[in-house]
Amino acid sequence: MYFDSWQAALVMDGHGGFVWAAYAITTLGVVWMLVYPAWSRRRALRQLAVAVRREQARADSAQGVR
């Protein structure tokens, strides 16, 4: 192994903070790119379902008036 201990691997000769921050930012970005589309799709489907129910209720009330 390149480093003598886990502590040395975390510190990386003083560059560990930058390296691990880059890994964290990259991981958050990848997770966001995987989660956001699913979240956005669910939200759009909920909004569509509300619009369909609203339109159906409007059509039902219009038929009842005639």
PDB file of N, CA and C in Angstrom:
ATOM      1  N   MET A   1       0.849  -1.174   0.000  1.00  0.00           N
ATOM      2  CA  MET A   1       0.000   0.000   0.000  1.00  0.00           C
ATOM      3  C   MET A   1       0.895   1.238   0.000  1.00  0.00           C
ATOM      4  N   TYR A   2       0.427   2.292  -0.619  1.00  0.00           N
ATOM      5  CA  TYR A   2       1.216   3.503  -0.764  1.00  0.00           C
ATOM      6  C   TYR A   2       1.412   4.220   0.567  1.00  0.00           C
ATOM      7  N   PHE A   3       0.375   4.248   1.403  1.00  0.00           N
ATOM      8  CA  PHE A   3       0.450   4.949   2.678  1.00  0.00           C
ATOM      9  C   PHE A   3       0.758   3.968   3.798  1.00  0.00           C
ATOM     10  N   ASP A   4       1.415   4.452   4.836  1.00  0.00           N
ATOM     11  CA  ASP A   4       1.792   3.607   5.959  1.00  0.00           C
ATOM     12  C   ASP A   4       0.627   3.312   6.893  1.00  0.00           C
ATOM     13  N   SER A   5      -0.355   4.213   6.947  1.00  0.00           N
ATOM     14  CA  SER A   5      -1.492   4.027   7.847  1.00  0.00           C
ATOM     15  C   SER A   5      -2.714   4.712   7.249  1.00  0.00           C
ATOM     16  N   TRP A   6      -3.873   4.463   7.866  1.00  0.00           N
ATOM     17  CA  TRP A   6      -5.100   5.121   7.436  1.00  0.00           C
ATOM     18  C   TRP A   6      -5.012   6.633   7.673  1.00  0.00           C
ATOM     19  N   GLN A   7      -4.377   7.017   8.735  1.00  0.00           N
ATOM     20  CA  GLN A   7      -4.207   8.436   9.029  1.00  0.00           C
ATOM     21  C   GLN A   7      -3.416   9.116   7.909  1.00  0.00           C
ATOM     22  N   ALA A   8      -2.363   8.468   7.459  1.00  0.00           N
ATOM     23  CA  ALA A   8      -1.558   9.025   6.366  1.00  0.00           C
ATOM     24  C   ALA A   8      -2.372   9.084   5.072  1.00  0.00           C
ATOM     25  N   ALA A   9      -3.237   8.096   4.855  1.00  0.00           N
ATOM     26  CA  ALA A   9      -4.088   8.096   3.662  1.00  0.00           C
ATOM     27  C   ALA A   9      -5.098   9.239   3.718  1.00  0.00           C
ATOM     28  N   LEU A  10      -5.618   9.535   4.894  1.00  0.00           N
ATOM     29  CA  LEU A  10      -6.580  10.628   5.026  1.00  0.00           C
ATOM     30  C   LEU A  10      -5.918  11.992   4.865  1.00  0.00           C
ATOM     31  N   VAL A  11      -4.716  12.132   5.392  1.00  0.00           N
ATOM     32  CA  VAL A  11      -4.015  13.418   5.338  1.00  0.00           C
ATOM     33  C   VAL A  11      -3.375  13.648   3.969  1.00  0.00           C
ATOM     34  N   MET A  12      -2.846  12.612   3.353  1.00  0.00           N
ATOM     35  CA  MET A  12      -2.205  12.660   2.032  1.00  0.00           C
ATOM     36  C   MET A  12      -1.172  13.778   1.922  1.00  0.00           C
ATOM     37  N   ASP A  13      -0.261  13.810   2.850  1.00  0.00           N
ATOM     38  CA  ASP A  13       0.824  14.799   2.862  1.00  0.00           C
ATOM     39  C   ASP A  13       0.294  16.234   2.791  1.00  0.00           C
ATOM     40  N   GLY A  14      -0.817  16.498   3.465  1.00  0.00           N
ATOM     41  CA  GLY A  14      -1.375  17.844   3.514  1.00  0.00           C
ATOM     42  C   GLY A  14      -2.396  18.146   2.423  1.00  0.00           C
ATOM     43  N   HIS A  15      -2.569  17.239   1.478  1.00  0.00           N
ATOM     44  CA  HIS A  15      -3.501  17.466   0.378  1.00  0.00           C
ATOM     45  C   HIS A  15      -4.826  16.735   0.586  1.00  0.00           C
ATOM     46  N   GLY A  16      -4.948  16.017   1.663  1.00  0.00           N
ATOM     47  CA  GLY A  16      -6.137  15.197   1.901  1.00  0.00           C
ATOM     48  C   GLY A  16      -7.439  15.980   1.925  1.00  0.00           C
ATOM     49  N   GLY A  17      -7.414  17.164   2.519  1.00  0.00           N
ATOM     50  CA  GLY A  17      -8.635  17.972   2.576  1.00  0.00           C
ATOM     51  C   GLY A  17      -9.168  18.299   1.191  1.00  0.00           C
ATOM     52  N   PHE A  18      -8.275  18.666   0.293  1.00  0.00           N
ATOM     53  CA  PHE A  18      -8.691  18.990  -1.072  1.00  0.00           C
ATOM     54  C   PHE A  18      -9.167  17.743  -1.814  1.00  0.00           C
ATOM     55  N   VAL A  19      -8.424  16.660  -1.656  1.00  0.00           N
ATOM     56  CA  VAL A  19      -8.761  15.426  -2.360  1.00  0.00           C
ATOM     57  C   VAL A  19     -10.097  14.891  -1.881  1.00  0.00           C
ATOM     58  N   TRP A  20     -10.286  14.800  -0.561  1.00  0.00           N
ATOM     59  CA  TRP A  20     -11.536  14.243  -0.038  1.00  0.00           C
ATOM     60  C   TRP A  20     -12.712  15.177  -0.291  1.00  0.00           C
ATOM     61  N   ALA A  21     -12.475  16.482  -0.312  1.00  0.00           N
ATOM     62  CA  ALA A  21     -13.544  17.418  -0.667  1.00  0.00           C
ATOM     63  C   ALA A  21     -13.955  17.221  -2.125  1.00  0.00           C
ATOM     64  N   ALA A  22     -12.983  16.998  -2.999  1.00  0.00           N
ATOM     65  CA  ALA A  22     -13.297  16.752  -4.408  1.00  0.00           C
ATOM     66  C   ALA A  22     -14.091  15.466  -4.566  1.00  0.00           C
ATOM     67  N   TYR A  23     -13.700  14.420  -3.831  1.00  0.00           N
ATOM     68  CA  TYR A  23     -14.463  13.168  -3.873  1.00  0.00           C
ATOM     69  C   TYR A  23     -15.887  13.386  -3.368  1.00  0.00           C
ATOM     70  N   ALA A  24     -16.043  14.138  -2.301  1.00  0.00           N
ATOM     71  CA  ALA A  24     -17.370  14.379  -1.718  1.00  0.00           C
ATOM     72  C   ALA A  24     -18.247  15.171  -2.681  1.00  0.00           C
ATOM     73  N   ILE A  25     -17.690  16.216  -3.283  1.00  0.00           N
ATOM     74  CA  ILE A  25     -18.465  17.036  -4.221  1.00  0.00           C
ATOM     75  C   ILE A  25     -18.868  16.214  -5.435  1.00  0.00           C
ATOM     76  N   THR A  26     -17.953  15.415  -5.938  1.00  0.00           N
ATOM     77  CA  THR A  26     -18.252  14.564  -7.087  1.00  0.00           C
ATOM     78  C   THR A  26     -19.326  13.546  -6.746  1.00  0.00           C
ATOM     79  N   THR A  27     -19.215  12.923  -5.579  1.00  0.00           N
ATOM     80  CA  THR A  27     -20.204  11.934  -5.163  1.00  0.00           C
ATOM     81  C   THR A  27     -21.577  12.576  -5.004  1.00  0.00           C
ATOM     82  N   LEU A  28     -21.627  13.752  -4.395  1.00  0.00           N
ATOM     83  CA  LEU A  28     -22.910  14.452  -4.260  1.00  0.00           C
ATOM     84  C   LEU A  28     -23.497  14.789  -5.627  1.00  0.00           C
ATOM     85  N   GLY A  29     -22.657  15.207  -6.553  1.00  0.00           N
ATOM     86  CA  GLY A  29     -23.138  15.510  -7.897  1.00  0.00           C
ATOM     87  C   GLY A  29     -23.710  14.291  -8.597  1.00  0.00           C
ATOM     88  N   VAL A  30     -23.032  13.167  -8.491  1.00  0.00           N
ATOM     89  CA  VAL A  30     -23.513  11.936  -9.124  1.00  0.00           C
ATOM     90  C   VAL A  30     -24.815  11.475  -8.469  1.00  0.00           C
ATOM     91  N   VAL A  31     -24.873  11.526  -7.152  1.00  0.00           N
ATOM     92  CA  VAL A  31     -26.103  11.135  -6.456  1.00  0.00           C
ATOM     93  C   VAL A  31     -27.247  12.047  -6.875  1.00  0.00           C
ATOM     94  N   TRP A  32     -26.993  13.348  -6.963  1.00  0.00           N
ATOM     95  CA  TRP A  32     -28.027  14.300  -7.383  1.00  0.00           C
ATOM     96  C   TRP A  32     -28.506  13.979  -8.796  1.00  0.00           C
ATOM     97  N   MET A  33     -27.582  13.649  -9.705  1.00  0.00           N
ATOM     98  CA  MET A  33     -27.964  13.331 -11.079  1.00  0.00           C
ATOM     99  C   MET A  33     -28.770  12.042 -11.163  1.00  0.00           C
ATOM    100  N   LEU A  34     -28.629  11.158 -10.196  1.00  0.00           N
ATOM    101  CA  LEU A  34     -29.411   9.931 -10.170  1.00  0.00           C
ATOM    102  C   LEU A  34     -30.761  10.116  -9.485  1.00  0.00           C
ATOM    103  N   VAL A  35     -30.813  10.934  -8.451  1.00  0.00           N
ATOM    104  CA  VAL A  35     -32.026  11.087  -7.643  1.00  0.00           C
ATOM    105  C   VAL A  35     -32.974  12.126  -8.234  1.00  0.00           C
ATOM    106  N   TYR A  36     -32.469  13.238  -8.728  1.00  0.00           N
ATOM    107  CA  TYR A  36     -33.316  14.339  -9.175  1.00  0.00           C
ATOM    108  C   TYR A  36     -34.300  13.938 -10.274  1.00  0.00           C
ATOM    109  N   PRO A  37     -33.884  13.204 -11.310  1.00  0.00           N
ATOM    110  CA  PRO A  37     -34.862  12.833 -12.347  1.00  0.00           C
ATOM    111  C   PRO A  37     -36.031  12.005 -11.797  1.00  0.00           C
ATOM    112  N   ALA A  38     -35.751  11.087 -10.887  1.00  0.00           N
ATOM    113  CA  ALA A  38     -36.829  10.286 -10.306  1.00  0.00           C
ATOM    114  C   ALA A  38     -37.748  11.162  -9.472  1.00  0.00           C
ATOM    115  N   TRP A  39     -37.176  12.067  -8.696  1.00  0.00           N
ATOM    116  CA  TRP A  39     -37.973  12.977  -7.877  1.00  0.00           C
ATOM    117  C   TRP A  39     -38.815  13.891  -8.771  1.00  0.00           C
ATOM    118  N   SER A  40     -38.209  14.401  -9.812  1.00  0.00           N
ATOM    119  CA  SER A  40     -38.905  15.297 -10.722  1.00  0.00           C
ATOM    120  C   SER A  40     -40.039  14.575 -11.449  1.00  0.00           C
ATOM    121  N   ARG A  41     -39.805  13.339 -11.841  1.00  0.00           N
ATOM    122  CA  ARG A  41     -40.837  12.543 -12.520  1.00  0.00           C
ATOM    123  C   ARG A  41     -42.025  12.307 -11.601  1.00  0.00           C
ATOM    124  N   ARG A  42     -41.752  11.935 -10.345  1.00  0.00           N
ATOM    125  CA  ARG A  42     -42.840  11.708  -9.386  1.00  0.00           C
ATOM    126  C   ARG A  42     -43.649  12.979  -9.187  1.00  0.00           C
ATOM    127  N   ARG A  43     -42.976  14.106  -9.075  1.00  0.00           N
ATOM    128  CA  ARG A  43     -43.665  15.381  -8.882  1.00  0.00           C
ATOM    129  C   ARG A  43     -44.531  15.709 -10.090  1.00  0.00           C
ATOM    130  N   ALA A  44     -44.013  15.499 -11.297  1.00  0.00           N
ATOM    131  CA  ALA A  44     -44.773  15.771 -12.518  1.00  0.00           C
ATOM    132  C   ALA A  44     -45.990  14.854 -12.616  1.00  0.00           C
ATOM    133  N   LEU A  45     -45.819  13.586 -12.255  1.00  0.00           N
ATOM    134  CA  LEU A  45     -46.951  12.660 -12.295  1.00  0.00           C
ATOM    135  C   LEU A  45     -48.024  13.043 -11.285  1.00  0.00           C
ATOM    136  N   ARG A  46     -47.609  13.505 -10.099  1.00  0.00           N
ATOM    137  CA  ARG A  46     -48.591  13.964  -9.104  1.00  0.00           C
ATOM    138  C   ARG A  46     -49.346  15.179  -9.621  1.00  0.00           C
ATOM    139  N   GLN A  47     -48.636  16.121 -10.219  1.00  0.00           N
ATOM    140  CA  GLN A  47     -49.291  17.312 -10.762  1.00  0.00           C
ATOM    141  C   GLN A  47     -50.237  16.943 -11.899  1.00  0.00           C
ATOM    142  N   LEU A  48     -49.847  16.001 -12.732  1.00  0.00           N
ATOM    143  CA  LEU A  48     -50.703  15.551 -13.817  1.00  0.00           C
ATOM    144  C   LEU A  48     -51.956  14.873 -13.280  1.00  0.00           C
ATOM    145  N   ALA A  49     -51.800  14.056 -12.248  1.00  0.00           N
ATOM    146  CA  ALA A  49     -52.956  13.384 -11.655  1.00  0.00           C
ATOM    147  C   ALA A  49     -53.931  14.398 -11.076  1.00  0.00           C
ATOM    148  N   VAL A  50     -53.423  15.433 -10.437  1.00  0.00           N
ATOM    149  CA  VAL A  50     -54.291  16.490  -9.895  1.00  0.00           C
ATOM    150  C   VAL A  50     -55.027  17.190 -11.032  1.00  0.00           C
ATOM    151  N   ALA A  51     -54.330  17.498 -12.104  1.00  0.00           N
ATOM    152  CA  ALA A  51     -54.959  18.180 -13.239  1.00  0.00           C
ATOM    153  C   ALA A  51     -56.028  17.301 -13.879  1.00  0.00           C
ATOM    154  N   VAL A  52     -55.754  16.006 -14.001  1.00  0.00           N
ATOM    155  CA  VAL A  52     -56.740  15.087 -14.579  1.00  0.00           C
ATOM    156  C   VAL A  52     -57.973  15.016 -13.688  1.00  0.00           C
ATOM    157  N   ARG A  53     -57.773  14.899 -12.373  1.00  0.00           N
ATOM    158  CA  ARG A  53     -58.927  14.851 -11.458  1.00  0.00           C
ATOM    159  C   ARG A  53     -59.720  16.149 -11.527  1.00  0.00           C
ATOM    160  N   ARG A  54     -59.029  17.268 -11.595  1.00  0.00           N
ATOM    161  CA  ARG A  54     -59.706  18.564 -11.674  1.00  0.00           C
ATOM    162  C   ARG A  54     -60.523  18.662 -12.960  1.00  0.00           C
ATOM    163  N   GLU A  55     -59.935  18.243 -14.073  1.00  0.00           N
ATOM    164  CA  GLU A  55     -60.637  18.289 -15.347  1.00  0.00           C
ATOM    165  C   GLU A  55     -61.825  17.323 -15.359  1.00  0.00           C
ATOM    166  N   GLN A  56     -61.660  16.160 -14.759  1.00  0.00           N
ATOM    167  CA  GLN A  56     -62.756  15.192 -14.688  1.00  0.00           C
ATOM    168  C   GLN A  56     -63.899  15.745 -13.841  1.00  0.00           C
ATOM    169  N   ALA A  57     -63.578  16.379 -12.737  1.00  0.00           N
ATOM    170  CA  ALA A  57     -64.604  16.978 -11.884  1.00  0.00           C
ATOM    171  C   ALA A  57     -65.314  18.100 -12.629  1.00  0.00           C
ATOM    172  N   ARG A  58     -64.569  18.885 -13.393  1.00  0.00           N
ATOM    173  CA  ARG A  58     -65.175  19.966 -14.182  1.00  0.00           C
ATOM    174  C   ARG A  58     -66.109  19.396 -15.236  1.00  0.00           C
ATOM    175  N   ALA A  59     -65.693  18.315 -15.903  1.00  0.00           N
ATOM    176  CA  ALA A  59     -66.534  17.684 -16.927  1.00  0.00           C
ATOM    177  C   ALA A  59     -67.784  17.069 -16.294  1.00  0.00           C
ATOM    178  N   ASP A  60     -67.625  16.437 -15.134  1.00  0.00           N
ATOM    179  CA  ASP A  60     -68.776  15.846 -14.443  1.00  0.00           C
ATOM    180  C   ASP A  60     -69.777  16.905 -14.026  1.00  0.00           C
ATOM    181  N   SER A  61     -69.295  18.036 -13.528  1.00  0.00           N
ATOM    182  CA  SER A  61     -70.206  19.103 -13.106  1.00  0.00           C
ATOM    183  C   SER A  61     -70.879  19.747 -14.298  1.00  0.00           C
ATOM    184  N   ALA A  62     -70.210  19.826 -15.430  1.00  0.00           N
ATOM    185  CA  ALA A  62     -70.808  20.395 -16.631  1.00  0.00           C
ATOM    186  C   ALA A  62     -71.905  19.492 -17.166  1.00  0.00           C
ATOM    187  N   GLN A  63     -71.742  18.194 -17.055  1.00  0.00           N
ATOM    188  CA  GLN A  63     -72.778  17.256 -17.505  1.00  0.00           C
ATOM    189  C   GLN A  63     -73.986  17.307 -16.581  1.00  0.00           C
ATOM    190  N   GLY A  64     -73.762  17.548 -15.318  1.00  0.00           N
ATOM    191  CA  GLY A  64     -74.853  17.620 -14.363  1.00  0.00           C
ATOM    192  C   GLY A  64     -75.692  18.867 -14.524  1.00  0.00           C
ATOM    193  N   VAL A  65     -75.121  19.916 -15.058  1.00  0.00           N
ATOM    194  CA  VAL A  65     -75.826  21.176 -15.238  1.00  0.00           C
ATOM    195  C   VAL A  65     -76.804  21.087 -16.394  1.00  0.00           C
ATOM    196  N   ARG A  66     -76.466  20.380 -17.422  1.00  0.00           N
ATOM    197  CA  ARG A  66     -77.297  20.282 -18.638  1.00  0.00           C
ATOM    198  C   ARG A  66     -78.510  19.508 -18.394  1.00  0.00           C
TER     199      ARG A  66
END
